[in-house]
C-alpha atoms as a PDB file:
ATOM      1  CA  MET A   1       0.146  -0.021   0.003  1.00  0.00           C
ATOM      2  CA  ALA A   2       0.972   3.431  -1.049  1.00  0.00           C
ATOM      3  CA  ARG A   3       2.137   5.351   1.949  1.00  0.00           C
ATOM      4  CA  SER A   4       0.388   9.028   2.445  1.00  0.00           C
ATOM      5  CA  ASP A   5       1.933  12.133   2.357  1.00  0.00           C
ATOM      6  CA  VAL A   6       1.925  12.347   6.090  1.00  0.00           C
ATOM      7  CA  GLN A   7       3.905   9.294   6.382  1.00  0.00           C
ATOM      8  CA  LEU A   8       6.343  10.464   4.032  1.00  0.00           C
ATOM      9  CA  MET A   9       6.618  13.792   5.716  1.00  0.00           C
ATOM     10  CA  LEU A  10       7.011  12.241   9.417  1.00  0.00           C
ATOM     11  CA  GLU A  11       9.707   9.565   8.076  1.00  0.00           C
ATOM     12  CA  ALA A  12      11.735  12.511   6.349  1.00  0.00           C
ATOM     13  CA  LYS A  13      11.111  14.653   9.529  1.00  0.00           C
ATOM     14  CA  ALA A  14      13.040  11.499  10.893  1.00  0.00           C
ATOM     15  CA  GLY A  15      15.434  11.777   8.827  1.00  0.00           C
ATOM     16  CA  ASN A  16      14.631   9.239   5.536  1.00  0.00           C
ATOM     17  CA  ASP A  17      15.637  11.503   2.661  1.00  0.00           C
ATOM     18  CA  ALA A  18      14.525   8.401   0.605  1.00  0.00           C
ATOM     19  CA  SER A  19      11.107   9.409   1.850  1.00  0.00           C
ATOM     20  CA  PHE A  20      11.037  12.836   1.031  1.00  0.00           C
ATOM     21  CA  GLU A  21      12.792  11.872  -2.593  1.00  0.00           C
ATOM     22  CA  HIS A  22       9.490  10.123  -3.032  1.00  0.00           C
ATOM     23  CA  LEU A  23       7.366  13.156  -2.105  1.00  0.00           C
ATOM     24  CA  LEU A  24       9.591  15.415  -4.175  1.00  0.00           C
ATOM     25  CA  GLN A  25       8.636  12.660  -7.383  1.00  0.00           C
ATOM     26  CA  ARG A  26       4.984  12.814  -6.152  1.00  0.00           C
ATOM     27  CA  TYR A  27       4.238  16.358  -6.731  1.00  0.00           C
ATOM     28  CA  ARG A  28       7.028  17.649  -8.594  1.00  0.00           C
ATOM     29  CA  THR A  29       4.432  17.463 -12.026  1.00  0.00           C
ATOM     30  CA  PRO A  30       1.695  19.121 -10.466  1.00  0.00           C
ATOM     31  CA  LEU A  31       3.790  21.663  -8.464  1.00  0.00           C
ATOM     32  CA  VAL A  32       5.644  22.858 -11.759  1.00  0.00           C
ATOM     33  CA  ASN A  33       2.491  22.980 -13.632  1.00  0.00           C
ATOM     34  CA  PHE A  34       0.731  24.668 -11.188  1.00  0.00           C
ATOM     35  CA  LEU A  35       3.522  27.231 -11.351  1.00  0.00           C
ATOM     36  CA  TYR A  36       3.813  27.349 -14.944  1.00  0.00           C
ATOM     37  CA  ARG A  37       0.230  28.505 -14.815  1.00  0.00           C
ATOM     38  CA  MET A  38       0.839  31.282 -12.318  1.00  0.00           C
ATOM     39  CA  VAL A  39       4.141  32.924 -13.793  1.00  0.00           C
ATOM     40  CA  ARG A  40       3.714  31.290 -17.273  1.00  0.00           C
ATOM     41  CA  ASP A  41       7.255  30.715 -17.616  1.00  0.00           C
ATOM     42  CA  SER A  42       8.827  27.366 -17.856  1.00  0.00           C
ATOM     43  CA  ALA A  43      12.445  28.374 -16.506  1.00  0.00           C
ATOM     44  CA  THR A  44      11.091  30.324 -13.632  1.00  0.00           C
ATOM     45  CA  ALA A  45       8.666  27.621 -12.809  1.00  0.00           C
ATOM     46  CA  GLU A  46      11.037  25.100 -12.593  1.00  0.00           C
ATOM     47  CA  ASP A  47      12.920  27.402 -10.374  1.00  0.00           C
ATOM     48  CA  LEU A  48      10.174  28.306  -8.134  1.00  0.00           C
ATOM     49  CA  ALA A  49       9.380  24.655  -7.437  1.00  0.00           C
ATOM     50  CA  GLN A  50      12.922  23.567  -6.553  1.00  0.00           C
ATOM     51  CA  GLU A  51      12.842  26.568  -4.263  1.00  0.00           C
ATOM     52  CA  VAL A  52       9.247  25.078  -2.700  1.00  0.00           C
ATOM     53  CA  PHE A  53      10.628  21.748  -1.969  1.00  0.00           C
ATOM     54  CA  LEU A  54      14.280  23.193  -0.929  1.00  0.00           C
ATOM     55  CA  ARG A  55      11.956  25.403   2.015  1.00  0.00           C
ATOM     56  CA  VAL A  56       9.996  22.065   2.697  1.00  0.00           C
ATOM     57  CA  TYR A  57      13.162  20.377   3.059  1.00  0.00           C
ATOM     58  CA  ARG A  58      14.648  22.798   5.445  1.00  0.00           C
ATOM     59  CA  ALA A  59      11.491  23.209   7.539  1.00  0.00           C
ATOM     60  CA  ARG A  60      10.642  18.951   8.126  1.00  0.00           C
ATOM     61  CA  HIS A  61      11.841  19.050  11.279  1.00  0.00           C
ATOM     62  CA  GLY A  62       9.064  21.489  12.715  1.00  0.00           C
ATOM     63  CA  TYR A  63       6.640  19.391  10.533  1.00  0.00           C
ATOM     64  CA  GLU A  64       3.237  18.822  12.122  1.00  0.00           C
ATOM     65  CA  ALA A  65       0.561  16.291  10.861  1.00  0.00           C
ATOM     66  CA  SER A  66      -2.357  18.951  11.630  1.00  0.00           C
ATOM     67  CA  ALA A  67      -3.079  20.214   8.309  1.00  0.00           C
ATOM     68  CA  LYS A  68      -2.586  18.397   4.291  1.00  0.00           C
ATOM     69  CA  PHE A  69       0.678  18.261   3.016  1.00  0.00           C
ATOM     70  CA  THR A  70      -0.336  19.524  -0.305  1.00  0.00           C
ATOM     71  CA  THR A  71      -2.219  22.560   1.576  1.00  0.00           C
ATOM     72  CA  TRP A  72       1.468  23.492   2.935  1.00  0.00           C
ATOM     73  CA  LEU A  73       3.385  22.878   0.091  1.00  0.00           C
ATOM     74  CA  PHE A  74       0.534  25.153  -2.203  1.00  0.00           C
ATOM     75  CA  ARG A  75       0.550  27.624   0.570  1.00  0.00           C
ATOM     76  CA  ILE A  76       4.599  28.063   0.160  1.00  0.00           C
ATOM     77  CA  ALA A  77       4.409  27.850  -3.758  1.00  0.00           C
ATOM     78  CA  THR A  78       1.624  30.325  -4.207  1.00  0.00           C
ATOM     79  CA  ASN A  79       3.574  33.239  -2.310  1.00  0.00           C
ATOM     80  CA  LEU A  80       6.700  32.023  -3.771  1.00  0.00           C
ATOM     81  CA  ALA A  81       5.011  33.007  -7.846  1.00  0.00           C
ATOM     82  CA  LEU A  82       2.859  35.875  -6.156  1.00  0.00           C
ATOM     83  CA  ASN A  83       6.438  37.356  -5.299  1.00  0.00           C
ATOM     84  CA  ARG A  84       8.193  36.730  -8.312  1.00  0.00           C
ATOM     85  CA  ILE A  85       4.744  38.009 -10.093  1.00  0.00           C
ATOM     86  CA  ARG A  86       4.854  41.351  -8.477  1.00  0.00           C
ATOM     87  CA  ASP A  87       8.613  41.517  -9.097  1.00  0.00           C
ATOM     88  CA  THR A  88       8.022  41.025 -12.992  1.00  0.00           C
ATOM     89  CA  ARG A  89       4.763  42.481 -13.444  1.00  0.00           C
ATOM     90  CA  HIS A  90       5.981  44.279 -16.919  1.00  0.00           C
ATOM     91  CA  GLN A  91       6.718  40.822 -18.420  1.00  0.00           C
ATOM     92  CA  GLN A  92       3.665  39.403 -20.141  1.00  0.00           C
ATOM     93  CA  MET A  93       4.583  36.256 -21.913  1.00  0.00           C
ATOM     94  CA  GLU A  94       2.122  34.854 -24.536  1.00  0.00           C
ATOM     95  CA  VAL A  95       1.797  30.485 -23.333  1.00  0.00           C
ATOM     96  CA  SER A  96      -0.772  28.477 -22.505  1.00  0.00           C
ATOM     97  CA  LEU A  97      -2.530  27.849 -19.343  1.00  0.00           C
ATOM     98  CA  ASP A  98      -2.960  24.581 -20.511  1.00  0.00           C
ATOM     99  CA  ALA A  99       0.474  24.164 -21.940  1.00  0.00           C
ATOM    100  CA  THR A 100       2.811  21.341 -20.295  1.00  0.00           C
ATOM    101  CA  THR A 101       6.036  22.433 -18.815  1.00  0.00           C
ATOM    102  CA  ASN A 102       8.876  20.244 -21.111  1.00  0.00           C
ATOM    103  CA  GLU A 103      11.059  20.056 -24.045  1.00  0.00           C
ATOM    104  CA  ASP A 104       7.899  19.957 -26.228  1.00  0.00           C
ATOM    105  CA  ASP A 105       6.758  23.236 -25.163  1.00  0.00           C
ATOM    106  CA  ALA A 106       8.190  24.610 -28.516  1.00  0.00           C
ATOM    107  CA  ALA A 107       7.059  21.867 -30.561  1.00  0.00           C
ATOM    108  CA  PRO A 108       4.698  22.358 -33.449  1.00  0.00           C
ATOM    109  CA  MET A 109       0.747  21.669 -32.634  1.00  0.00           C
ATOM    110  CA  GLU A 110      -0.158  18.890 -34.181  1.00  0.00           C
ATOM    111  CA  LEU A 111      -4.052  18.312 -34.478  1.00  0.00           C
ATOM    112  CA  PRO A 112      -5.247  15.959 -31.483  1.00  0.00           C
ATOM    113  CA  ALA A 113      -7.301  13.428 -33.260  1.00  0.00           C
ATOM    114  CA  ARG A 114      -7.235  12.266 -36.752  1.00  0.00           C
ATOM    115  CA  GLU A 115     -10.763  12.937 -37.248  1.00  0.00           C
ATOM    116  CA  LEU A 116     -10.217  16.449 -35.894  1.00  0.00           C
ATOM    117  CA  ARG A 117     -11.175  18.753 -38.883  1.00  0.00           C
ATOM    118  CA  VAL A 118      -8.290  21.883 -39.228  1.00  0.00           C
ATOM    119  CA  ASP A 119     -11.064  24.567 -38.954  1.00  0.00           C
ATOM    120  CA  GLN A 120     -12.463  22.862 -36.033  1.00  0.00           C
ATOM    121  CA  PHE A 121      -9.031  22.497 -34.735  1.00  0.00           C
ATOM    122  CA  LEU A 122      -8.418  26.620 -35.157  1.00  0.00           C
ATOM    123  CA  ILE A 123     -11.297  26.795 -33.439  1.00  0.00           C
ATOM    124  CA  GLU A 124     -10.656  24.944 -30.320  1.00  0.00           C
ATOM    125  CA  GLN A 125      -7.424  26.927 -30.267  1.00  0.00           C
ATOM    126  CA  ASP A 126      -8.945  30.351 -30.417  1.00  0.00           C
ATOM    127  CA  ARG A 127     -11.262  28.743 -27.647  1.00  0.00           C
ATOM    128  CA  THR A 128      -8.353  27.872 -25.257  1.00  0.00           C
ATOM    129  CA  ALA A 129      -6.705  31.268 -25.936  1.00  0.00           C
ATOM    130  CA  LEU A 130      -9.801  32.833 -25.194  1.00  0.00           C
ATOM    131  CA  ILE A 131     -10.542  30.681 -21.638  1.00  0.00           C
ATOM    132  CA  ARG A 132      -6.258  31.780 -20.544  1.00  0.00           C
ATOM    133  CA  ARG A 133      -6.896  35.496 -21.353  1.00  0.00           C
ATOM    134  CA  ALA A 134      -9.994  35.268 -19.146  1.00  0.00           C
ATOM    135  CA  VAL A 135      -8.158  33.319 -16.069  1.00  0.00           C
ATOM    136  CA  GLU A 136      -4.952  35.658 -16.617  1.00  0.00           C
ATOM    137  CA  SER A 137      -6.987  38.878 -16.332  1.00  0.00           C
ATOM    138  CA  LEU A 138      -8.320  38.273 -13.283  1.00  0.00           C
ATOM    139  CA  PRO A 139      -7.252  39.499  -9.725  1.00  0.00           C
ATOM    140  CA  GLU A 140      -4.659  37.705  -8.175  1.00  0.00           C
ATOM    141  CA  LYS A 141      -6.246  35.937  -5.227  1.00  0.00           C
ATOM    142  CA  GLN A 142      -9.203  34.975  -7.238  1.00  0.00           C
ATOM    143  CA  ARG A 143      -7.175  33.902 -10.359  1.00  0.00           C
ATOM    144  CA  ILE A 144      -5.590  31.425  -7.621  1.00  0.00           C
ATOM    145  CA  ALA A 145      -8.588  30.152  -6.165  1.00  0.00           C
ATOM    146  CA  VAL A 146      -9.822  29.186  -9.900  1.00  0.00           C
ATOM    147  CA  LEU A 147      -6.745  27.298 -10.675  1.00  0.00           C
ATOM    148  CA  LEU A 148      -6.676  25.737  -7.605  1.00  0.00           C
ATOM    149  CA  HIS A 149     -10.253  24.682  -7.682  1.00  0.00           C
ATOM    150  CA  LYS A 150     -10.424  23.444 -11.401  1.00  0.00           C
ATOM    151  CA  TYR A 151      -6.527  22.603 -12.274  1.00  0.00           C
ATOM    152  CA  GLU A 152      -5.740  21.021  -9.032  1.00  0.00           C
ATOM    153  CA  GLU A 153      -9.191  19.885  -8.083  1.00  0.00           C
ATOM    154  CA  MET A 154      -9.149  20.852  -4.347  1.00  0.00           C
ATOM    155  CA  ASP A 155     -11.942  21.462  -2.019  1.00  0.00           C
ATOM    156  CA  TYR A 156     -13.166  24.673  -0.756  1.00  0.00           C
ATOM    157  CA  CYS A 157     -11.683  23.833   2.975  1.00  0.00           C
ATOM    158  CA  GLU A 158      -7.825  23.541   1.646  1.00  0.00           C
ATOM    159  CA  ILE A 159      -8.047  26.371  -0.818  1.00  0.00           C
ATOM    160  CA  ALA A 160      -9.164  28.435   2.062  1.00  0.00           C
ATOM    161  CA  GLN A 161      -6.281  27.424   4.222  1.00  0.00           C
ATOM    162  CA  VAL A 162      -3.657  27.841   1.587  1.00  0.00           C
ATOM    163  CA  LEU A 163      -4.791  31.546   1.057  1.00  0.00           C
ATOM    164  CA  GLU A 164      -5.295  31.811   4.511  1.00  0.00           C
ATOM    165  CA  CYS A 165      -8.786  33.104   4.420  1.00  0.00           C
ATOM    166  CA  SER A 166     -12.495  31.778   5.860  1.00  0.00           C
ATOM    167  CA  ASP A 167     -14.412  29.471   4.480  1.00  0.00           C
ATOM    168  CA  ALA A 168     -16.884  32.139   3.535  1.00  0.00           C
ATOM    169  CA  ALA A 169     -14.078  34.400   2.288  1.00  0.00           C
ATOM    170  CA  LEU A 170     -13.406  31.710   0.082  1.00  0.00           C
ATOM    171  CA  LYS A 171     -16.825  31.184  -1.441  1.00  0.00           C
ATOM    172  CA  SER A 172     -17.315  34.803  -1.854  1.00  0.00           C
ATOM    173  CA  LEU A 173     -13.864  34.953  -3.925  1.00  0.00           C
ATOM    174  CA  LEU A 174     -14.544  32.331  -6.226  1.00  0.00           C
ATOM    175  CA  PHE A 175     -18.182  33.595  -6.774  1.00  0.00           C
ATOM    176  CA  ARG A 176     -17.086  36.644  -8.020  1.00  0.00           C
ATOM    177  CA  ALA A 177     -14.342  34.548 -10.347  1.00  0.00           C
ATOM    178  CA  TYR A 178     -16.828  32.534 -12.320  1.00  0.00           C
ATOM    179  CA  GLU A 179     -19.115  35.215 -12.490  1.00  0.00           C
ATOM    180  CA  THR A 180     -16.448  37.241 -14.537  1.00  0.00           C
ATOM    181  CA  LEU A 181     -15.755  34.312 -16.218  1.00  0.00           C
ATOM    182  CA  ARG A 182     -19.069  33.797 -16.787  1.00  0.00           C
ATOM    183  CA  VAL A 183     -19.279  37.186 -18.342  1.00  0.00           C
ATOM    184  CA  GLN A 184     -16.210  36.998 -20.438  1.00  0.00           C
ATOM    185  CA  LEU A 185     -17.011  33.747 -21.825  1.00  0.00           C
ATOM    186  CA  ALA A 186     -20.061  33.755 -23.045  1.00  0.00           C
ATOM    187  CA  PRO A 187     -19.522  34.056 -26.466  1.00  0.00           C
ATOM    188  CA  LEU A 188     -18.328  30.619 -26.367  1.00  0.00           C
ATOM    189  CA  VAL A 189     -21.601  29.220 -25.751  1.00  0.00           C
ATOM    190  CA  GLY A 190     -24.046  31.507 -27.812  1.00  0.00           C
ATOM    191  CA  LEU A 191     -25.728  32.319 -24.565  1.00  0.00           C
ATOM    192  CA  ALA A 192     -26.421  35.671 -23.339  1.00  0.00           C
ATOM    193  CA  VAL A 193     -25.626  37.313 -19.736  1.00  0.00           C
ATOM    194  CA  SER A 194     -28.416  37.509 -17.203  1.00  0.00           C
ATOM    195  CA  PRO A 195     -27.638  39.462 -14.064  1.00  0.00           C
ATOM    196  CA  ALA A 196     -25.897  37.831 -11.610  1.00  0.00           C
ATOM    197  CA  PRO A 197     -27.804  36.176  -9.055  1.00  0.00           C
ATOM    198  CA  ALA A 198     -26.870  37.637  -5.191  1.00  0.00           C
ATOM    199  CA  VAL A 199     -24.386  35.887  -3.546  1.00  0.00           C
ATOM    200  CA  PRO A 200     -24.785  33.933  -0.208  1.00  0.00           C
ATOM    201  CA  ALA A 201     -25.176  35.850   2.885  1.00  0.00           C
ATOM    202  CA  GLU A 202     -22.398  33.691   4.509  1.00  0.00           C
ATOM    203  CA  ALA A 203     -20.004  34.202   1.059  1.00  0.00           C
ATOM    204  CA  GLY A 204     -20.349  38.045   1.436  1.00  0.00           C
ATOM    205  CA  LYS A 205     -19.386  38.407   5.279  1.00  0.00           C
ATOM    206  CA  ARG A 206     -16.028  38.922   3.898  1.00  0.00           C
ATOM    207  CA  ARG A 207     -14.539  39.661   0.701  1.00  0.00           C
ATOM    208  CA  LEU A 208     -10.975  39.542  -0.934  1.00  0.00           C
ATOM    209  CA  SER A 209      -9.679  40.943  -3.596  1.00  0.00           C
END
């Protein structure tokens, strides 16, 4: 049976570097992909991922199994990514939100399926680009919440811990993010934009931007 993140981290805390290496291999790819979507540069994402794991390793002796390992990991990653973005805000990189971070990044795009016509493929590429731009245009914390929710498939409680906010504040954050995306992406489905539904009372107690 595969050992849990907590087991591996406690073993690393006790001095077992092999267990920490196992954690690194388990989360390196999702972490790099998350950072790539944040900073939009492959080399920077790789560097930040190394820094995240270095910080986790240095802090291993103080680790307590009171929260999910992924919460701790992505909180560190989020803070590092935000710092890097703020330091290099003038750099605007034209890359795909869904692109992977490997040597194939620069390879020519190929049709994903033989039966997909070229015009269909180009429409799908336009659709992907529109979604990417819409997500990238969100305020920082809204964008992080969407990435963690949709791409990392974290639940509300874990995302709230990563962003260090209440569950109610997180719900309000995601509500506003998805409402913005719904308006911006309405042309994709050819639907008229209707007024936004009211924010639940519990979600409106505290708002983040």
